[in-house]
Amino acid sequence: MPEVILNGPEGRIECMYSQGKETGCPVALILHPEPYQGGSMNNKVNYSLYQEFKSRGFSVLRFNFRGVGKSQGSFDNGEGELADAAAVLDWLQSQNLYSKFTFIAGFSFGSWIGMQLMMRRPEISGFICISPPADKFDFAFLAPCPASGLIIHGRENQRVPFENIQSIVDRLSKQRNVKIDIDFINDANHNFSNHLEDLMEAVKKYLNQRYDNFIDTFHEEDLI
């Protein structure tokens, strides 16, 4: 997992990057939880997501928002962090010019930033949104949601009741040609403290159902 240092809006951005082996492989960008609460790219959820996408042959990158780890700058309440994510996605795509699929996965604060980035970048064609922090941040900008994806939430999340997440899913699911899946993990809290394995099983199940088909199509096109 080589370290990559990129030039961002506020200086250097610390990243970990794994290049997929095949030309044109899909790419995935991983975004971490609240910087002001100790969140970083080395959070166990983000690390596990990174490993899962890597194992599937994606070119995958996780990074520290400004002010975290070796990344320069200071917390900017989301606006600057969104700029960081956009700069990192630019670099990721520059390394994968022939990729036909861009995926984004965010945990808590990272899911809020990731969904905003998706609204601005039409090339993002799928997402995983884990523990969306609807208690602190408004997700109304997702109407209409431009891509299908998965939301995962803990039923024992005391910070954001699962009913609040269900209402978001119900609103987004009314859109044509967009399918929003939701997976509630029994007994899990906001951070999936004792349910990381359950969380990753939900991620794997979703990727098996939806994106393995994409990978098969990708290989078939290479044979034409």
C-alpha atoms as a PDB file:
ATOM      1  CA  MET A   1       0.000   0.000   0.000  1.00  0.00           C
ATOM      2  CA  PRO A   2       2.236   2.834  -1.198  1.00  0.00           C
ATOM      3  CA  GLU A   3       1.904   6.259   0.336  1.00  0.00           C
ATOM      4  CA  VAL A   4       1.132   9.073  -2.083  1.00  0.00           C
ATOM      5  CA  ILE A   5       1.402  12.792  -1.268  1.00  0.00           C
ATOM      6  CA  LEU A   6      -0.730  15.016  -3.505  1.00  0.00           C
ATOM      7  CA  ASN A   7      -0.921  18.772  -3.893  1.00  0.00           C
ATOM      8  CA  GLY A   8      -4.319  19.913  -2.627  1.00  0.00           C
ATOM      9  CA  PRO A   9      -6.101  23.237  -2.135  1.00  0.00           C
ATOM     10  CA  GLU A  10      -4.384  23.752   1.252  1.00  0.00           C
ATOM     11  CA  GLY A  11      -1.094  22.003   0.557  1.00  0.00           C
ATOM     12  CA  ARG A  12      -0.179  18.349   0.721  1.00  0.00           C
ATOM     13  CA  ILE A  13      -2.782  15.588   1.061  1.00  0.00           C
ATOM     14  CA  GLU A  14      -1.686  12.257   2.515  1.00  0.00           C
ATOM     15  CA  CYS A  15      -3.032   9.207   0.663  1.00  0.00           C
ATOM     16  CA  MET A  16      -2.678   5.452   0.465  1.00  0.00           C
ATOM     17  CA  TYR A  17      -3.125   4.084  -3.041  1.00  0.00           C
ATOM     18  CA  SER A  18      -3.304   0.676  -4.689  1.00  0.00           C
ATOM     19  CA  GLN A  19      -3.248   0.528  -8.485  1.00  0.00           C
ATOM     20  CA  GLY A  20      -5.395  -2.132 -10.114  1.00  0.00           C
ATOM     21  CA  LYS A  21      -3.478  -4.549 -12.290  1.00  0.00           C
ATOM     22  CA  GLU A  22      -5.696  -4.359 -15.371  1.00  0.00           C
ATOM     23  CA  THR A  23      -5.917  -1.434 -17.773  1.00  0.00           C
ATOM     24  CA  GLY A  24      -9.348   0.137 -17.506  1.00  0.00           C
ATOM     25  CA  CYS A  25     -10.101  -1.347 -14.100  1.00  0.00           C
ATOM     26  CA  PRO A  26     -12.751   0.415 -11.979  1.00  0.00           C
ATOM     27  CA  VAL A  27     -11.698   2.966  -9.352  1.00  0.00           C
ATOM     28  CA  ALA A  28     -12.881   3.581  -5.794  1.00  0.00           C
ATOM     29  CA  LEU A  29     -12.370   6.545  -3.470  1.00  0.00           C
ATOM     30  CA  ILE A  30     -12.727   6.046   0.318  1.00  0.00           C
ATOM     31  CA  LEU A  31     -13.591   8.959   2.654  1.00  0.00           C
ATOM     32  CA  HIS A  32     -13.086   8.895   6.422  1.00  0.00           C
ATOM     33  CA  PRO A  33     -15.265   9.979   9.394  1.00  0.00           C
ATOM     34  CA  GLU A  34     -15.235  13.205  11.425  1.00  0.00           C
ATOM     35  CA  PRO A  35     -11.741  14.758  11.538  1.00  0.00           C
ATOM     36  CA  TYR A  36     -12.664  16.743  14.669  1.00  0.00           C
ATOM     37  CA  GLN A  37     -13.410  13.473  16.479  1.00  0.00           C
ATOM     38  CA  GLY A  38     -10.200  11.715  15.539  1.00  0.00           C
ATOM     39  CA  GLY A  39     -11.361  10.254  12.230  1.00  0.00           C
ATOM     40  CA  SER A  40      -8.675   9.393   9.702  1.00  0.00           C
ATOM     41  CA  MET A  41      -8.020   7.222   6.671  1.00  0.00           C
ATOM     42  CA  ASN A  42      -6.718   4.540   9.056  1.00  0.00           C
ATOM     43  CA  ASN A  43     -10.098   4.119  10.715  1.00  0.00           C
ATOM     44  CA  LYS A  44     -10.899   0.390  10.801  1.00  0.00           C
ATOM     45  CA  VAL A  45     -13.972   0.801   8.571  1.00  0.00           C
ATOM     46  CA  ASN A  46     -12.088   2.784   5.935  1.00  0.00           C
ATOM     47  CA  TYR A  47      -9.153   0.365   6.018  1.00  0.00           C
ATOM     48  CA  SER A  48     -11.512  -2.595   5.567  1.00  0.00           C
ATOM     49  CA  LEU A  49     -13.285  -0.910   2.653  1.00  0.00           C
ATOM     50  CA  TYR A  50      -9.923  -0.209   1.040  1.00  0.00           C
ATOM     51  CA  GLN A  51      -8.882  -3.831   1.342  1.00  0.00           C
ATOM     52  CA  GLU A  52     -12.181  -5.072  -0.059  1.00  0.00           C
ATOM     53  CA  PHE A  53     -12.003  -2.918  -3.192  1.00  0.00           C
ATOM     54  CA  LYS A  54      -8.334  -3.803  -3.630  1.00  0.00           C
ATOM     55  CA  SER A  55      -9.165  -7.517  -3.495  1.00  0.00           C
ATOM     56  CA  ARG A  56     -11.680  -7.010  -6.305  1.00  0.00           C
ATOM     57  CA  GLY A  57      -9.123  -5.475  -8.645  1.00  0.00           C
ATOM     58  CA  PHE A  58     -10.112  -1.829  -8.244  1.00  0.00           C
ATOM     59  CA  SER A  59      -7.631   1.009  -8.263  1.00  0.00           C
ATOM     60  CA  VAL A  60      -8.477   2.281  -4.777  1.00  0.00           C
ATOM     61  CA  LEU A  61      -7.397   5.285  -2.748  1.00  0.00           C
ATOM     62  CA  ARG A  62      -8.034   6.475   0.790  1.00  0.00           C
ATOM     63  CA  PHE A  63      -6.767   9.801   2.107  1.00  0.00           C
ATOM     64  CA  ASN A  64      -6.670  12.152   5.080  1.00  0.00           C
ATOM     65  CA  PHE A  65      -8.720  15.323   4.921  1.00  0.00           C
ATOM     66  CA  ARG A  66      -6.925  18.609   5.603  1.00  0.00           C
ATOM     67  CA  GLY A  67      -5.459  18.847   9.084  1.00  0.00           C
ATOM     68  CA  VAL A  68      -5.399  15.066   9.617  1.00  0.00           C
ATOM     69  CA  GLY A  69      -2.168  13.057   9.705  1.00  0.00           C
ATOM     70  CA  LYS A  70       0.318  14.515   7.223  1.00  0.00           C
ATOM     71  CA  SER A  71      -2.336  16.466   5.312  1.00  0.00           C
ATOM     72  CA  GLN A  72      -1.886  20.222   5.607  1.00  0.00           C
ATOM     73  CA  GLY A  73      -4.525  22.785   6.511  1.00  0.00           C
ATOM     74  CA  SER A  74      -7.245  22.806   9.151  1.00  0.00           C
ATOM     75  CA  PHE A  75     -10.828  21.616   9.442  1.00  0.00           C
ATOM     76  CA  ASP A  76     -13.193  23.659   7.254  1.00  0.00           C
ATOM     77  CA  ASN A  77     -16.679  22.412   8.199  1.00  0.00           C
ATOM     78  CA  GLY A  78     -17.048  20.454   4.977  1.00  0.00           C
ATOM     79  CA  GLU A  79     -16.397  23.052   2.277  1.00  0.00           C
ATOM     80  CA  GLY A  80     -12.633  22.600   2.253  1.00  0.00           C
ATOM     81  CA  GLU A  81     -12.931  18.859   2.729  1.00  0.00           C
ATOM     82  CA  LEU A  82     -15.123  18.662  -0.368  1.00  0.00           C
ATOM     83  CA  ALA A  83     -12.400  20.521  -2.287  1.00  0.00           C
ATOM     84  CA  ASP A  84      -9.847  18.015  -0.972  1.00  0.00           C
ATOM     85  CA  ALA A  85     -11.971  15.098  -2.158  1.00  0.00           C
ATOM     86  CA  ALA A  86     -12.401  16.655  -5.606  1.00  0.00           C
ATOM     87  CA  ALA A  87      -8.635  17.164  -5.953  1.00  0.00           C
ATOM     88  CA  VAL A  88      -7.938  13.570  -4.923  1.00  0.00           C
ATOM     89  CA  LEU A  89     -10.554  12.231  -7.344  1.00  0.00           C
ATOM     90  CA  ASP A  90      -8.935  14.259 -10.146  1.00  0.00           C
ATOM     91  CA  TRP A  91      -5.606  12.579  -9.418  1.00  0.00           C
ATOM     92  CA  LEU A  92      -7.154   9.119  -9.113  1.00  0.00           C
ATOM     93  CA  GLN A  93      -8.817   9.469 -12.486  1.00  0.00           C
ATOM     94  CA  SER A  94      -5.610  10.816 -14.051  1.00  0.00           C
ATOM     95  CA  GLN A  95      -3.953   7.530 -13.070  1.00  0.00           C
ATOM     96  CA  ASN A  96      -6.808   5.504 -14.565  1.00  0.00           C
ATOM     97  CA  LEU A  97      -7.674   7.252 -17.804  1.00  0.00           C
ATOM     98  CA  TYR A  98      -9.439   4.247 -19.307  1.00  0.00           C
ATOM     99  CA  SER A  99     -11.540   3.325 -16.304  1.00  0.00           C
ATOM    100  CA  LYS A 100     -15.237   2.945 -17.106  1.00  0.00           C
ATOM    101  CA  PHE A 101     -16.532   2.960 -13.545  1.00  0.00           C
ATOM    102  CA  THR A 102     -15.975   5.278 -10.570  1.00  0.00           C
ATOM    103  CA  PHE A 103     -17.189   4.293  -7.113  1.00  0.00           C
ATOM    104  CA  ILE A 104     -17.236   6.266  -3.867  1.00  0.00           C
ATOM    105  CA  ALA A 105     -17.519   4.976  -0.310  1.00  0.00           C
ATOM    106  CA  GLY A 106     -17.781   7.149   2.782  1.00  0.00           C
ATOM    107  CA  PHE A 107     -18.172   6.578   6.513  1.00  0.00           C
ATOM    108  CA  SER A 108     -20.137   9.097   8.644  1.00  0.00           C
ATOM    109  CA  PHE A 109     -18.729  12.585   7.820  1.00  0.00           C
ATOM    110  CA  GLY A 110     -17.019  10.997   4.819  1.00  0.00           C
ATOM    111  CA  SER A 111     -20.387   9.808   3.502  1.00  0.00           C
ATOM    112  CA  TRP A 112     -21.742  13.369   3.624  1.00  0.00           C
ATOM    113  CA  ILE A 113     -18.721  14.675   1.700  1.00  0.00           C
ATOM    114  CA  GLY A 114     -18.879  11.764  -0.727  1.00  0.00           C
ATOM    115  CA  MET A 115     -22.535  12.306  -1.552  1.00  0.00           C
ATOM    116  CA  GLN A 116     -21.884  16.002  -2.228  1.00  0.00           C
ATOM    117  CA  LEU A 117     -18.999  15.082  -4.496  1.00  0.00           C
ATOM    118  CA  MET A 118     -21.234  12.648  -6.355  1.00  0.00           C
ATOM    119  CA  MET A 119     -23.726  15.443  -7.059  1.00  0.00           C
ATOM    120  CA  ARG A 120     -20.949  17.424  -8.741  1.00  0.00           C
ATOM    121  CA  ARG A 121     -19.238  14.605 -10.608  1.00  0.00           C
ATOM    122  CA  PRO A 122     -21.463  12.708 -13.041  1.00  0.00           C
ATOM    123  CA  GLU A 123     -18.771  10.101 -13.665  1.00  0.00           C
ATOM    124  CA  ILE A 124     -19.418   8.655 -10.184  1.00  0.00           C
ATOM    125  CA  SER A 125     -21.741   5.758 -10.902  1.00  0.00           C
ATOM    126  CA  GLY A 126     -22.103   3.999  -7.553  1.00  0.00           C
ATOM    127  CA  PHE A 127     -21.715   4.552  -3.818  1.00  0.00           C
ATOM    128  CA  ILE A 128     -21.695   3.031  -0.352  1.00  0.00           C
ATOM    129  CA  CYS A 129     -22.834   5.371   2.409  1.00  0.00           C
ATOM    130  CA  ILE A 130     -22.130   4.135   5.970  1.00  0.00           C
ATOM    131  CA  SER A 131     -23.725   5.772   9.039  1.00  0.00           C
ATOM    132  CA  PRO A 132     -24.789   8.980   7.280  1.00  0.00           C
ATOM    133  CA  PRO A 133     -24.687  11.703   9.986  1.00  0.00           C
ATOM    134  CA  ALA A 134     -28.168  13.068   9.359  1.00  0.00           C
ATOM    135  CA  ASP A 135     -28.202  14.495  12.891  1.00  0.00           C
ATOM    136  CA  LYS A 136     -25.626  17.159  12.002  1.00  0.00           C
ATOM    137  CA  PHE A 137     -25.762  17.489   8.225  1.00  0.00           C
ATOM    138  CA  ASP A 138     -28.566  17.927   5.713  1.00  0.00           C
ATOM    139  CA  PHE A 139     -28.811  15.289   2.973  1.00  0.00           C
ATOM    140  CA  ALA A 140     -31.675  17.020   1.139  1.00  0.00           C
ATOM    141  CA  PHE A 141     -29.254  17.889  -1.686  1.00  0.00           C
ATOM    142  CA  LEU A 142     -29.516  14.241  -2.812  1.00  0.00           C
ATOM    143  CA  ALA A 143     -32.907  14.856  -4.415  1.00  0.00           C
ATOM    144  CA  PRO A 144     -32.554  13.831  -7.149  1.00  0.00           C
ATOM    145  CA  CYS A 145     -29.850  11.243  -6.434  1.00  0.00           C
ATOM    146  CA  PRO A 146     -27.788  10.701  -9.611  1.00  0.00           C
ATOM    147  CA  ALA A 147     -26.684   7.100  -8.993  1.00  0.00           C
ATOM    148  CA  SER A 148     -27.762   3.883  -7.344  1.00  0.00           C
ATOM    149  CA  GLY A 149     -26.043   2.768  -4.172  1.00  0.00           C
ATOM    150  CA  LEU A 150     -26.129   1.246  -0.712  1.00  0.00           C
ATOM    151  CA  ILE A 151     -26.742   2.834   2.700  1.00  0.00           C
ATOM    152  CA  ILE A 152     -25.671   0.858   5.779  1.00  0.00           C
ATOM    153  CA  HIS A 153     -26.794   1.856   9.256  1.00  0.00           C
ATOM    154  CA  GLY A 154     -26.813   0.350  12.740  1.00  0.00           C
ATOM    155  CA  ARG A 155     -30.184  -0.304  14.362  1.00  0.00           C
ATOM    156  CA  GLU A 156     -28.708   0.687  17.743  1.00  0.00           C
ATOM    157  CA  ASN A 157     -27.266   3.938  16.420  1.00  0.00           C
ATOM    158  CA  GLN A 158     -28.132   6.316  19.272  1.00  0.00           C
ATOM    159  CA  ARG A 159     -26.824   9.296  17.348  1.00  0.00           C
ATOM    160  CA  VAL A 160     -29.053   8.896  14.283  1.00  0.00           C
ATOM    161  CA  PRO A 161     -32.220   6.766  14.716  1.00  0.00           C
ATOM    162  CA  PHE A 162     -32.654   4.302  11.867  1.00  0.00           C
ATOM    163  CA  GLU A 163     -36.129   5.724  11.170  1.00  0.00           C
ATOM    164  CA  ASN A 164     -34.441   8.953  10.025  1.00  0.00           C
ATOM    165  CA  ILE A 165     -32.307   7.023   7.544  1.00  0.00           C
ATOM    166  CA  GLN A 166     -35.287   5.053   6.277  1.00  0.00           C
ATOM    167  CA  SER A 167     -37.075   8.320   5.486  1.00  0.00           C
ATOM    168  CA  ILE A 168     -34.097   9.446   3.382  1.00  0.00           C
ATOM    169  CA  VAL A 169     -34.081   6.140   1.508  1.00  0.00           C
ATOM    170  CA  ASP A 170     -37.841   6.313   0.913  1.00  0.00           C
ATOM    171  CA  ARG A 171     -37.505   9.778  -0.595  1.00  0.00           C
ATOM    172  CA  LEU A 172     -34.594   8.837  -2.840  1.00  0.00           C
ATOM    173  CA  SER A 173     -36.176   5.569  -3.945  1.00  0.00           C
ATOM    174  CA  LYS A 174     -39.004   7.410  -5.680  1.00  0.00           C
ATOM    175  CA  GLN A 175     -36.652   8.424  -8.473  1.00  0.00           C
ATOM    176  CA  ARG A 176     -36.709   6.564 -11.740  1.00  0.00           C
ATOM    177  CA  ASN A 177     -33.713   4.482 -12.812  1.00  0.00           C
ATOM    178  CA  VAL A 178     -32.091   4.830  -9.368  1.00  0.00           C
ATOM    179  CA  LYS A 179     -32.161   2.038  -6.784  1.00  0.00           C
ATOM    180  CA  ILE A 180     -31.165   2.795  -3.205  1.00  0.00           C
ATOM    181  CA  ASP A 181     -30.555  -0.318  -1.122  1.00  0.00           C
ATOM    182  CA  ILE A 182     -30.448  -0.148   2.661  1.00  0.00           C
ATOM    183  CA  ASP A 183     -29.029  -2.624   5.134  1.00  0.00           C
ATOM    184  CA  PHE A 184     -29.729  -2.159   8.847  1.00  0.00           C
ATOM    185  CA  ILE A 185     -27.234  -4.056  11.027  1.00  0.00           C
ATOM    186  CA  ASN A 186     -28.856  -5.398  14.204  1.00  0.00           C
ATOM    187  CA  ASP A 187     -27.281  -4.255  17.510  1.00  0.00           C
ATOM    188  CA  ALA A 188     -24.700  -2.075  15.723  1.00  0.00           C
ATOM    189  CA  ASN A 189     -23.955   1.491  16.845  1.00  0.00           C
ATOM    190  CA  HIS A 190     -22.843   4.478  14.762  1.00  0.00           C
ATOM    191  CA  ASN A 191     -19.216   3.317  14.651  1.00  0.00           C
ATOM    192  CA  PHE A 192     -19.948  -0.415  14.234  1.00  0.00           C
ATOM    193  CA  SER A 193     -17.706  -0.886  17.282  1.00  0.00           C
ATOM    194  CA  ASN A 194     -18.339  -4.616  17.663  1.00  0.00           C
ATOM    195  CA  HIS A 195     -19.889  -5.274  14.261  1.00  0.00           C
ATOM    196  CA  LEU A 196     -17.179  -4.618  11.703  1.00  0.00           C
ATOM    197  CA  GLU A 197     -17.508  -8.133  10.331  1.00  0.00           C
ATOM    198  CA  ASP A 198     -21.274  -7.713   9.906  1.00  0.00           C
ATOM    199  CA  LEU A 199     -20.717  -4.394   8.174  1.00  0.00           C
ATOM    200  CA  MET A 200     -18.227  -5.845   5.726  1.00  0.00           C
ATOM    201  CA  GLU A 201     -20.485  -8.810   4.995  1.00  0.00           C
ATOM    202  CA  ALA A 202     -23.169  -6.314   3.948  1.00  0.00           C
ATOM    203  CA  VAL A 203     -20.637  -4.531   1.717  1.00  0.00           C
ATOM    204  CA  LYS A 204     -19.473  -7.779   0.126  1.00  0.00           C
ATOM    205  CA  LYS A 205     -23.028  -8.963  -0.478  1.00  0.00           C
ATOM    206  CA  TYR A 206     -23.916  -5.733  -2.243  1.00  0.00           C
ATOM    207  CA  LEU A 207     -20.791  -5.717  -4.385  1.00  0.00           C
ATOM    208  CA  ASN A 208     -21.355  -9.362  -5.293  1.00  0.00           C
ATOM    209  CA  GLN A 209     -24.908  -8.631  -6.394  1.00  0.00           C
ATOM    210  CA  ARG A 210     -24.352  -5.467  -8.339  1.00  0.00           C
ATOM    211  CA  TYR A 211     -20.752  -4.912  -9.304  1.00  0.00           C
ATOM    212  CA  ASP A 212     -19.504  -8.364 -10.135  1.00  0.00           C
ATOM    213  CA  ASN A 213     -21.838  -8.049 -13.132  1.00  0.00           C
ATOM    214  CA  PHE A 214     -20.027  -4.874 -14.092  1.00  0.00           C
ATOM    215  CA  ILE A 215     -16.641  -6.585 -13.847  1.00  0.00           C
ATOM    216  CA  ASP A 216     -17.877  -9.427 -16.066  1.00  0.00           C
ATOM    217  CA  THR A 217     -19.081  -6.898 -18.642  1.00  0.00           C
ATOM    218  CA  PHE A 218     -15.753  -5.092 -18.431  1.00  0.00           C
ATOM    219  CA  HIS A 219     -13.857  -8.285 -19.292  1.00  0.00           C
ATOM    220  CA  GLU A 220     -16.249  -9.166 -22.109  1.00  0.00           C
ATOM    221  CA  GLU A 221     -15.693  -5.773 -23.729  1.00  0.00           C
ATOM    222  CA  ASP A 222     -11.939  -6.368 -23.634  1.00  0.00           C
ATOM    223  CA  LEU A 223     -12.453  -9.472 -25.751  1.00  0.00           C
ATOM    224  CA  ILE A 224     -14.355  -7.649 -28.514  1.00  0.00           C
END
